[in-house]
PDB file of N, CA and C in Angstrom:
ATOM      1  N   MET A   1       5.164  48.661 -68.461  1.00  0.00           N
ATOM      2  CA  MET A   1       4.694  49.720 -67.885  1.00  0.00           C
ATOM      3  C   MET A   1       5.856  49.927 -67.752  1.00  0.00           C
ATOM      4  N   SER A   2       5.882  51.163 -68.158  1.00  0.00           N
ATOM      5  CA  SER A   2       7.288  52.143 -68.802  1.00  0.00           C
ATOM      6  C   SER A   2       7.266  52.942 -67.252  1.00  0.00           C
ATOM      7  N   LYS A   3       8.688  53.340 -67.596  1.00  0.00           N
ATOM      8  CA  LYS A   3       8.904  54.150 -66.373  1.00  0.00           C
ATOM      9  C   LYS A   3       8.152  55.475 -66.412  1.00  0.00           C
ATOM     10  N   ASP A   4       7.993  56.511 -67.547  1.00  0.00           N
ATOM     11  CA  ASP A   4       6.707  57.501 -67.278  1.00  0.00           C
ATOM     12  C   ASP A   4       5.597  56.721 -66.320  1.00  0.00           C
ATOM     13  N   GLN A   5       4.980  55.868 -67.242  1.00  0.00           N
ATOM     14  CA  GLN A   5       3.479  55.542 -66.441  1.00  0.00           C
ATOM     15  C   GLN A   5       3.563  55.128 -65.008  1.00  0.00           C
ATOM     16  N   ALA A   6       4.997  54.868 -64.780  1.00  0.00           N
ATOM     17  CA  ALA A   6       5.589  53.689 -62.988  1.00  0.00           C
ATOM     18  C   ALA A   6       5.066  55.613 -61.980  1.00  0.00           C
ATOM     19  N   ILE A   7       6.031  56.474 -62.884  1.00  0.00           N
ATOM     20  CA  ILE A   7       5.950  57.663 -62.366  1.00  0.00           C
ATOM     21  C   ILE A   7       4.843  58.491 -62.364  1.00  0.00           C
ATOM     22  N   GLY A   8       3.969  58.778 -63.232  1.00  0.00           N
ATOM     23  CA  GLY A   8       2.681  59.097 -63.266  1.00  0.00           C
ATOM     24  C   GLY A   8       1.555  58.298 -62.374  1.00  0.00           C
ATOM     25  N   THR A   9       2.028  57.168 -62.402  1.00  0.00           N
ATOM     26  CA  THR A   9       0.297  56.335 -61.704  1.00  0.00           C
ATOM     27  C   THR A   9       1.782  56.656 -59.628  1.00  0.00           C
ATOM     28  N   CYS A  10       2.611  56.794 -59.600  1.00  0.00           N
ATOM     29  CA  CYS A  10       2.721  57.295 -58.386  1.00  0.00           C
ATOM     30  C   CYS A  10       2.607  58.779 -58.098  1.00  0.00           C
ATOM     31  N   LEU A  11       2.457  59.615 -58.888  1.00  0.00           N
ATOM     32  CA  LEU A  11       2.109  60.503 -58.424  1.00  0.00           C
ATOM     33  C   LEU A  11       0.592  61.099 -58.628  1.00  0.00           C
ATOM     34  N   LEU A  12      -0.531  60.139 -59.359  1.00  0.00           N
ATOM     35  CA  LEU A  12      -1.977  60.417 -58.957  1.00  0.00           C
ATOM     36  C   LEU A  12      -1.718  59.816 -57.596  1.00  0.00           C
ATOM     37  N   VAL A  13      -1.536  58.520 -57.289  1.00  0.00           N
ATOM     38  CA  VAL A  13      -1.543  57.918 -56.055  1.00  0.00           C
ATOM     39  C   VAL A  13      -1.501  58.678 -55.275  1.00  0.00           C
ATOM     40  N   VAL A  14       0.003  59.075 -54.923  1.00  0.00           N
ATOM     41  CA  VAL A  14       0.333  60.298 -53.662  1.00  0.00           C
ATOM     42  C   VAL A  14      -0.721  61.397 -53.953  1.00  0.00           C
ATOM     43  N   SER A  15      -0.958  61.731 -54.861  1.00  0.00           N
ATOM     44  CA  SER A  15      -2.235  63.272 -55.209  1.00  0.00           C
ATOM     45  C   SER A  15      -2.894  62.700 -54.041  1.00  0.00           C
ATOM     46  N   VAL A  16      -3.816  61.886 -54.521  1.00  0.00           N
ATOM     47  CA  VAL A  16      -4.976  61.098 -53.762  1.00  0.00           C
ATOM     48  C   VAL A  16      -5.474  61.282 -52.767  1.00  0.00           C
ATOM     49  N   ILE A  17      -3.736  60.705 -51.522  1.00  0.00           N
ATOM     50  CA  ILE A  17      -3.551  60.296 -50.627  1.00  0.00           C
ATOM     51  C   ILE A  17      -3.436  61.843 -49.640  1.00  0.00           C
ATOM     52  N   VAL A  18      -2.760  62.622 -50.418  1.00  0.00           N
ATOM     53  CA  VAL A  18      -2.678  63.847 -49.966  1.00  0.00           C
ATOM     54  C   VAL A  18      -3.533  64.689 -49.745  1.00  0.00           C
ATOM     55  N   ILE A  19      -5.020  64.677 -50.692  1.00  0.00           N
ATOM     56  CA  ILE A  19      -5.857  65.552 -50.822  1.00  0.00           C
ATOM     57  C   ILE A  19      -6.557  65.022 -49.842  1.00  0.00           C
ATOM     58  N   ALA A  20      -6.488  63.330 -49.541  1.00  0.00           N
ATOM     59  CA  ALA A  20      -7.788  62.627 -48.600  1.00  0.00           C
ATOM     60  C   ALA A  20      -7.183  63.116 -47.239  1.00  0.00           C
ATOM     61  N   VAL A  21      -6.078  62.782 -46.761  1.00  0.00           N
ATOM     62  CA  VAL A  21      -5.273  63.436 -45.625  1.00  0.00           C
ATOM     63  C   VAL A  21      -5.704  65.079 -45.357  1.00  0.00           C
ATOM     64  N   TYR A  22      -5.507  65.704 -46.251  1.00  0.00           N
ATOM     65  CA  TYR A  22      -5.810  67.658 -46.092  1.00  0.00           C
ATOM     66  C   TYR A  22      -7.264  67.737 -45.614  1.00  0.00           C
ATOM     67  N   ILE A  23      -8.107  66.532 -46.536  1.00  0.00           N
ATOM     68  CA  ILE A  23      -9.698  67.296 -46.479  1.00  0.00           C
ATOM     69  C   ILE A  23     -10.465  66.221 -44.386  1.00  0.00           C
ATOM     70  N   TRP A  24      -8.973  65.430 -44.283  1.00  0.00           N
ATOM     71  CA  TRP A  24      -9.279  64.907 -43.769  1.00  0.00           C
ATOM     72  C   TRP A  24      -8.958  65.645 -41.924  1.00  0.00           C
ATOM     73  N   LEU A  25      -8.002  66.250 -42.258  1.00  0.00           N
ATOM     74  CA  LEU A  25      -7.192  67.241 -41.133  1.00  0.00           C
ATOM     75  C   LEU A  25      -8.228  68.453 -41.110  1.00  0.00           C
ATOM     76  N   VAL A  26      -8.864  68.942 -42.322  1.00  0.00           N
ATOM     77  CA  VAL A  26      -9.607  70.085 -42.111  1.00  0.00           C
ATOM     78  C   VAL A  26     -10.864  69.886 -41.319  1.00  0.00           C
ATOM     79  N   PHE A  27     -11.274  69.335 -41.708  1.00  0.00           N
ATOM     80  CA  PHE A  27     -12.960  68.718 -41.803  1.00  0.00           C
ATOM     81  C   PHE A  27     -13.110  67.978 -40.296  1.00  0.00           C
ATOM     82  N   PHE A  28     -12.205  66.831 -40.444  1.00  0.00           N
ATOM     83  CA  PHE A  28     -12.614  66.353 -38.925  1.00  0.00           C
ATOM     84  C   PHE A  28     -11.341  65.754 -38.513  1.00  0.00           C
ATOM     85  N   PRO A  29     -10.696  67.084 -37.620  1.00  0.00           N
ATOM     86  CA  PRO A  29      -9.260  67.216 -37.095  1.00  0.00           C
ATOM     87  C   PRO A  29      -8.919  66.405 -35.780  1.00  0.00           C
ATOM     88  N   PRO A  30      -7.902  65.615 -35.754  1.00  0.00           N
ATOM     89  CA  PRO A  30      -7.611  64.444 -34.333  1.00  0.00           C
ATOM     90  C   PRO A  30      -7.889  65.270 -33.124  1.00  0.00           C
ATOM     91  N   ALA A  31      -7.401  66.719 -33.308  1.00  0.00           N
ATOM     92  CA  ALA A  31      -6.843  67.800 -31.795  1.00  0.00           C
ATOM     93  C   ALA A  31      -8.097  68.807 -32.282  1.00  0.00           C
ATOM     94  N   ALA A  32      -8.042  69.264 -31.090  1.00  0.00           N
ATOM     95  CA  ALA A  32      -8.808  71.039 -31.629  1.00  0.00           C
ATOM     96  C   ALA A  32      -7.128  71.752 -31.976  1.00  0.00           C
ATOM     97  N   GLY A  33      -7.530  72.458 -32.592  1.00  0.00           N
ATOM     98  CA  GLY A  33      -7.166  73.475 -32.840  1.00  0.00           C
ATOM     99  C   GLY A  33      -5.847  73.382 -34.447  1.00  0.00           C
ATOM    100  N   ILE A  34      -5.849  71.635 -35.098  1.00  0.00           N
ATOM    101  CA  ILE A  34      -5.468  71.216 -36.318  1.00  0.00           C
ATOM    102  C   ILE A  34      -6.271  72.024 -37.281  1.00  0.00           C
ATOM    103  N   ASP A  35      -7.118  71.649 -37.616  1.00  0.00           N
ATOM    104  CA  ASP A  35      -7.658  72.664 -38.814  1.00  0.00           C
ATOM    105  C   ASP A  35      -6.975  73.880 -38.822  1.00  0.00           C
ATOM    106  N   LEU A  36      -7.003  74.678 -37.845  1.00  0.00           N
ATOM    107  CA  LEU A  36      -6.967  75.629 -38.457  1.00  0.00           C
ATOM    108  C   LEU A  36      -5.495  75.686 -38.231  1.00  0.00           C
ATOM    109  N   LEU A  37      -4.551  75.047 -37.987  1.00  0.00           N
ATOM    110  CA  LEU A  37      -2.623  75.081 -37.814  1.00  0.00           C
ATOM    111  C   LEU A  37      -3.225  74.900 -39.603  1.00  0.00           C
ATOM    112  N   VAL A  38      -3.368  73.693 -39.912  1.00  0.00           N
ATOM    113  CA  VAL A  38      -3.761  73.390 -41.594  1.00  0.00           C
ATOM    114  C   VAL A  38      -3.831  74.447 -42.631  1.00  0.00           C
ATOM    115  N   LEU A  39      -4.957  74.800 -42.450  1.00  0.00           N
ATOM    116  CA  LEU A  39      -5.277  76.338 -42.884  1.00  0.00           C
ATOM    117  C   LEU A  39      -4.525  77.003 -43.277  1.00  0.00           C
ATOM    118  N   LYS A  40      -3.852  77.346 -41.848  1.00  0.00           N
ATOM    119  CA  LYS A  40      -2.582  78.718 -41.961  1.00  0.00           C
ATOM    120  C   LYS A  40      -1.748  78.281 -42.198  1.00  0.00           C
ATOM    121  N   ILE A  41      -0.941  77.026 -42.705  1.00  0.00           N
ATOM    122  CA  ILE A  41      -0.019  76.456 -42.887  1.00  0.00           C
ATOM    123  C   ILE A  41       0.128  76.667 -45.026  1.00  0.00           C
ATOM    124  N   THR A  42      -1.505  76.205 -44.911  1.00  0.00           N
ATOM    125  CA  THR A  42      -1.933  76.222 -46.875  1.00  0.00           C
ATOM    126  C   THR A  42      -1.875  77.668 -47.097  1.00  0.00           C
ATOM    127  N   GLY A  43      -2.353  78.268 -45.943  1.00  0.00           N
ATOM    128  CA  GLY A  43      -2.273  79.847 -46.615  1.00  0.00           C
ATOM    129  C   GLY A  43      -0.946  80.188 -46.906  1.00  0.00           C
ATOM    130  N   ALA A  44      -0.033  79.572 -46.163  1.00  0.00           N
ATOM    131  CA  ALA A  44       1.268  80.235 -46.242  1.00  0.00           C
ATOM    132  C   ALA A  44       2.083  79.850 -47.404  1.00  0.00           C
ATOM    133  N   ALA A  45       1.455  78.755 -47.697  1.00  0.00           N
ATOM    134  CA  ALA A  45       2.123  78.141 -48.876  1.00  0.00           C
ATOM    135  C   ALA A  45       1.897  78.538 -50.089  1.00  0.00           C
ATOM    136  N   ALA A  46       0.679  78.947 -50.476  1.00  0.00           N
ATOM    137  CA  ALA A  46       0.656  79.792 -51.457  1.00  0.00           C
ATOM    138  C   ALA A  46       0.335  80.940 -51.667  1.00  0.00           C
ATOM    139  N   ILE A  47       0.823  81.399 -50.472  1.00  0.00           N
ATOM    140  CA  ILE A  47       1.287  83.372 -50.614  1.00  0.00           C
ATOM    141  C   ILE A  47       2.655  83.133 -51.126  1.00  0.00           C
ATOM    142  N   ALA A  48       3.876  82.402 -50.389  1.00  0.00           N
ATOM    143  CA  ALA A  48       5.058  81.747 -50.318  1.00  0.00           C
ATOM    144  C   ALA A  48       5.097  81.549 -51.666  1.00  0.00           C
ATOM    145  N   ALA A  49       4.584  80.789 -51.951  1.00  0.00           N
ATOM    146  CA  ALA A  49       4.890  80.616 -53.921  1.00  0.00           C
ATOM    147  C   ALA A  49       4.097  81.849 -54.947  1.00  0.00           C
ATOM    148  N   ILE A  50       3.349  81.892 -54.578  1.00  0.00           N
ATOM    149  CA  ILE A  50       2.795  82.486 -55.329  1.00  0.00           C
ATOM    150  C   ILE A  50       3.661  84.038 -55.244  1.00  0.00           C
ATOM    151  N   PHE A  51       3.873  84.872 -54.117  1.00  0.00           N
ATOM    152  CA  PHE A  51       5.052  86.064 -54.528  1.00  0.00           C
ATOM    153  C   PHE A  51       6.631  85.346 -55.224  1.00  0.00           C
ATOM    154  N   GLY A  52       6.599  84.066 -54.626  1.00  0.00           N
ATOM    155  CA  GLY A  52       7.826  83.882 -55.111  1.00  0.00           C
ATOM    156  C   GLY A  52       8.452  83.660 -56.248  1.00  0.00           C
ATOM    157  N   ILE A  53       6.769  83.521 -57.273  1.00  0.00           N
ATOM    158  CA  ILE A  53       6.782  82.864 -58.529  1.00  0.00           C
ATOM    159  C   ILE A  53       6.944  84.569 -59.451  1.00  0.00           C
ATOM    160  N   ILE A  54       5.963  85.829 -58.922  1.00  0.00           N
ATOM    161  CA  ILE A  54       5.761  87.341 -58.940  1.00  0.00           C
ATOM    162  C   ILE A  54       7.730  87.311 -58.416  1.00  0.00           C
ATOM    163  N   GLY A  55       8.133  87.271 -57.255  1.00  0.00           N
ATOM    164  CA  GLY A  55       9.541  87.742 -57.230  1.00  0.00           C
ATOM    165  C   GLY A  55      10.500  87.385 -57.813  1.00  0.00           C
ATOM    166  N   TRP A  56      10.516  86.121 -58.496  1.00  0.00           N
ATOM    167  CA  TRP A  56      11.339  85.647 -59.435  1.00  0.00           C
ATOM    168  C   TRP A  56      11.431  86.124 -61.168  1.00  0.00           C
ATOM    169  N   VAL A  57      10.118  86.858 -61.704  1.00  0.00           N
ATOM    170  CA  VAL A  57       9.875  87.066 -62.441  1.00  0.00           C
ATOM    171  C   VAL A  57      10.542  88.531 -62.235  1.00  0.00           C
ATOM    172  N   GLY A  58       9.953  89.531 -61.700  1.00  0.00           N
ATOM    173  CA  GLY A  58      10.822  90.595 -61.018  1.00  0.00           C
ATOM    174  C   GLY A  58      11.985  90.589 -61.452  1.00  0.00           C
ATOM    175  N   TYR A  59      12.800  89.663 -60.440  1.00  0.00           N
ATOM    176  CA  TYR A  59      14.382  89.215 -60.693  1.00  0.00           C
ATOM    177  C   TYR A  59      15.325  89.112 -62.310  1.00  0.00           C
ATOM    178  N   THR A  60      14.119  88.164 -62.905  1.00  0.00           N
ATOM    179  CA  THR A  60      14.480  88.055 -64.054  1.00  0.00           C
ATOM    180  C   THR A  60      14.283  89.933 -65.081  1.00  0.00           C
ATOM    181  N   LEU A  61      13.588  89.851 -65.121  1.00  0.00           N
ATOM    182  CA  LEU A  61      13.003  91.119 -65.491  1.00  0.00           C
ATOM    183  C   LEU A  61      14.452  92.500 -65.381  1.00  0.00           C
ATOM    184  N   ALA A  62      14.966  92.379 -63.754  1.00  0.00           N
ATOM    185  CA  ALA A  62      15.789  93.279 -63.559  1.00  0.00           C
ATOM    186  C   ALA A  62      17.242  92.830 -64.671  1.00  0.00           C
ATOM    187  N   THR A  63      17.541  91.416 -63.887  1.00  0.00           N
ATOM    188  CA  THR A  63      18.762  91.295 -64.466  1.00  0.00           C
ATOM    189  C   THR A  63      19.023  91.280 -66.038  1.00  0.00           C
ATOM    190  N   THR A  64      17.750  90.697 -66.634  1.00  0.00           N
ATOM    191  CA  THR A  64      17.881  90.647 -68.664  1.00  0.00           C
ATOM    192  C   THR A  64      17.953  92.177 -68.917  1.00  0.00           C
ATOM    193  N   PRO A  65      19.803  92.084 -70.147  1.00  0.00           N
ATOM    194  CA  PRO A  65      19.511  93.102 -70.451  1.00  0.00           C
ATOM    195  C   PRO A  65      18.403  93.749 -71.528  1.00  0.00           C
ATOM    196  N   PRO A  66      17.886  95.406 -71.498  1.00  0.00           N
ATOM    197  CA  PRO A  66      17.066  95.295 -73.054  1.00  0.00           C
ATOM    198  C   PRO A  66      17.420  94.831 -74.351  1.00  0.00           C
ATOM    199  N   PRO A  67      16.801  94.713 -75.113  1.00  0.00           N
ATOM    200  CA  PRO A  67      17.031  94.347 -76.710  1.00  0.00           C
ATOM    201  C   PRO A  67      17.052  95.184 -77.176  1.00  0.00           C
ATOM    202  N   LYS A  68      18.263  95.563 -78.537  1.00  0.00           N
ATOM    203  CA  LYS A  68      18.154  96.221 -79.503  1.00  0.00           C
ATOM    204  C   LYS A  68      17.203  97.081 -79.631  1.00  0.00           C
ATOM    205  N   PRO A  69      17.530  98.384 -79.922  1.00  0.00           N
ATOM    206  CA  PRO A  69      16.829  99.009 -80.566  1.00  0.00           C
ATOM    207  C   PRO A  69      16.252  99.038 -81.978  1.00  0.00           C
ATOM    208  N   ILE A  70      15.455  98.856 -82.887  1.00  0.00           N
ATOM    209  CA  ILE A  70      14.614  98.579 -83.778  1.00  0.00           C
ATOM    210  C   ILE A  70      15.786  98.494 -84.914  1.00  0.00           C
ATOM    211  N   GLU A  71      16.144 100.340 -84.930  1.00  0.00           N
ATOM    212  CA  GLU A  71      17.108 100.960 -85.488  1.00  0.00           C
ATOM    213  C   GLU A  71      17.931 100.339 -85.629  1.00  0.00           C
ATOM    214  N   GLU A  72      18.720  99.428 -85.189  1.00  0.00           N
ATOM    215  CA  GLU A  72      20.115  98.941 -84.929  1.00  0.00           C
ATOM    216  C   GLU A  72      20.108  97.991 -85.739  1.00  0.00           C
ATOM    217  N   ILE A  73      19.055  96.713 -85.432  1.00  0.00           N
ATOM    218  CA  ILE A  73      18.632  95.870 -86.274  1.00  0.00           C
ATOM    219  C   ILE A  73      18.776  95.735 -87.683  1.00  0.00           C
ATOM    220  N   GLU A  74      17.574  96.934 -88.551  1.00  0.00           N
ATOM    221  CA  GLU A  74      17.457  97.156 -89.259  1.00  0.00           C
ATOM    222  C   GLU A  74      18.443  97.746 -90.342  1.00  0.00           C
ATOM    223  N   LYS A  75      19.611  98.456 -89.191  1.00  0.00           N
ATOM    224  CA  LYS A  75      20.947  98.741 -89.724  1.00  0.00           C
ATOM    225  C   LYS A  75      21.280  97.607 -89.790  1.00  0.00           C
ATOM    226  N   GLU A  76      21.392  96.519 -89.497  1.00  0.00           N
ATOM    227  CA  GLU A  76      22.458  95.254 -89.293  1.00  0.00           C
ATOM    228  C   GLU A  76      21.626  94.699 -90.634  1.00  0.00           C
ATOM    229  N   LEU A  77      20.601  94.437 -90.793  1.00  0.00           N
ATOM    230  CA  LEU A  77      19.596  93.398 -91.775  1.00  0.00           C
ATOM    231  C   LEU A  77      20.300  94.028 -92.921  1.00  0.00           C
ATOM    232  N   GLU A  78      20.539  95.521 -92.867  1.00  0.00           N
ATOM    233  CA  GLU A  78      20.598  96.430 -94.317  1.00  0.00           C
ATOM    234  C   GLU A  78      21.893  96.028 -94.667  1.00  0.00           C
ATOM    235  N   GLU A  79      22.892  95.802 -93.727  1.00  0.00           N
ATOM    236  CA  GLU A  79      24.484  95.571 -93.988  1.00  0.00           C
ATOM    237  C   GLU A  79      24.388  94.017 -94.398  1.00  0.00           C
ATOM    238  N   GLU A  80      24.060  93.157 -94.254  1.00  0.00           N
ATOM    239  CA  GLU A  80      23.544  92.125 -94.255  1.00  0.00           C
ATOM    240  C   GLU A  80      23.600  91.750 -95.814  1.00  0.00           C
ATOM    241  N   LEU A  81      21.972  92.512 -96.158  1.00  0.00           N
ATOM    242  CA  LEU A  81      21.301  92.145 -97.508  1.00  0.00           C
ATOM    243  C   LEU A  81      22.033  92.891 -98.550  1.00  0.00           C
ATOM    244  N   LYS A  82      23.455  94.054 -98.324  1.00  0.00           N
ATOM    245  CA  LYS A  82      23.921  94.348 -98.911  1.00  0.00           C
ATOM    246  C   LYS A  82      25.451  93.343 -99.312  1.00  0.00           C
ATOM    247  N   LYS A  83      25.821  92.933 -98.189  1.00  0.00           N
ATOM    248  CA  LYS A  83      26.952  91.877 -98.652  1.00  0.00           C
ATOM    249  C   LYS A  83      26.288  90.547 -99.070  1.00  0.00           C
ATOM    250  N   LEU A  84      25.302  90.113 -99.142  1.00  0.00           N
ATOM    251  CA  LEU A  84      24.399  89.088 -99.739  1.00  0.00           C
ATOM    252  C   LEU A  84      24.478  90.079-101.500  1.00  0.00           C
ATOM    253  N   GLU A  85      24.241  90.607-101.582  1.00  0.00           N
ATOM    254  CA  GLU A  85      23.928  91.323-103.228  1.00  0.00           C
ATOM    255  C   GLU A  85      25.571  91.587-104.069  1.00  0.00           C
ATOM    256  N   GLU A  86      26.096  91.896-102.977  1.00  0.00           N
ATOM    257  CA  GLU A  86      27.710  92.041-103.652  1.00  0.00           C
ATOM    258  C   GLU A  86      28.260  90.774-104.057  1.00  0.00           C
ATOM    259  N   GLN A  87      27.802  89.956-102.719  1.00  0.00           N
ATOM    260  CA  GLN A  87      28.375  88.539-102.841  1.00  0.00           C
ATOM    261  C   GLN A  87      27.636  87.419-104.311  1.00  0.00           C
ATOM    262  N   GLU A  88      26.651  88.069-104.222  1.00  0.00           N
ATOM    263  CA  GLU A  88      25.906  87.825-105.745  1.00  0.00           C
ATOM    264  C   GLU A  88      25.965  87.952-106.729  1.00  0.00           C
ATOM    265  N   LYS A  89      26.560  89.459-106.414  1.00  0.00           N
ATOM    266  CA  LYS A  89      27.300  89.894-107.870  1.00  0.00           C
ATOM    267  C   LYS A  89      28.485  89.725-108.346  1.00  0.00           C
ATOM    268  N   GLU A  90      29.656  89.520-107.682  1.00  0.00           N
ATOM    269  CA  GLU A  90      30.939  88.825-108.320  1.00  0.00           C
ATOM    270  C   GLU A  90      30.225  87.500-108.231  1.00  0.00           C
ATOM    271  N   LYS A  91      29.324  86.245-107.867  1.00  0.00           N
ATOM    272  CA  LYS A  91      29.360  85.133-108.493  1.00  0.00           C
ATOM    273  C   LYS A  91      29.147  85.492-109.554  1.00  0.00           C
ATOM    274  N   GLU A  92      27.963  86.411-110.245  1.00  0.00           N
ATOM    275  CA  GLU A  92      27.466  86.180-111.775  1.00  0.00           C
ATOM    276  C   GLU A  92      29.220  86.841-112.523  1.00  0.00           C
ATOM    277  N   LYS A  93      29.770  87.461-111.902  1.00  0.00           N
ATOM    278  CA  LYS A  93      30.785  87.752-113.187  1.00  0.00           C
ATOM    279  C   LYS A  93      31.557  86.993-113.382  1.00  0.00           C
ATOM    280  N   GLU A  94      31.898  85.948-112.149  1.00  0.00           N
ATOM    281  CA  GLU A  94      32.930  84.983-112.127  1.00  0.00           C
ATOM    282  C   GLU A  94      32.121  84.105-113.183  1.00  0.00           C
ATOM    283  N   GLU A  95      30.874  83.568-113.380  1.00  0.00           N
ATOM    284  CA  GLU A  95      30.319  82.257-114.233  1.00  0.00           C
ATOM    285  C   GLU A  95      30.413  83.664-115.568  1.00  0.00           C
ATOM    286  N   GLU A  96      30.340  84.901-115.395  1.00  0.00           N
ATOM    287  CA  GLU A  96      30.248  85.225-116.997  1.00  0.00           C
ATOM    288  C   GLU A  96      31.870  85.145-117.258  1.00  0.00           C
ATOM    289  N   LYS A  97      33.004  85.339-116.925  1.00  0.00           N
ATOM    290  CA  LYS A  97      34.403  85.109-117.087  1.00  0.00           C
ATOM    291  C   LYS A  97      34.697  83.949-117.693  1.00  0.00           C
ATOM    292  N   LYS A  98      33.933  82.788-116.718  1.00  0.00           N
ATOM    293  CA  LYS A  98      34.002  81.421-117.319  1.00  0.00           C
ATOM    294  C   LYS A  98      33.427  81.316-118.839  1.00  0.00           C
ATOM    295  N   GLU A  99      32.324  81.583-118.977  1.00  0.00           N
ATOM    296  CA  GLU A  99      31.529  81.519-119.968  1.00  0.00           C
ATOM    297  C   GLU A  99      32.438  82.007-121.152  1.00  0.00           C
TER     298      GLU A  99
END
């Protein structure tokens, strides 16, 4: 069994155990009030995860510089094309001189 398969098997086993314990705590609590506490913790974790991701996306959008305008990109491409055309013309002239 490779390392990846062993990790995958461990993750599967842990997931099944966590699901079983969660269901047991919610539907068959060992003491009064634990089921409500488990649901509160689950809700808080879900909200924290969702809004944490939304906050991360917002931070990324706020700190990423805006892209160049299309006009600037087009100008750069035109300049590069002109340079390439000039290089081709020079090569053609050199080949004509050699002949």
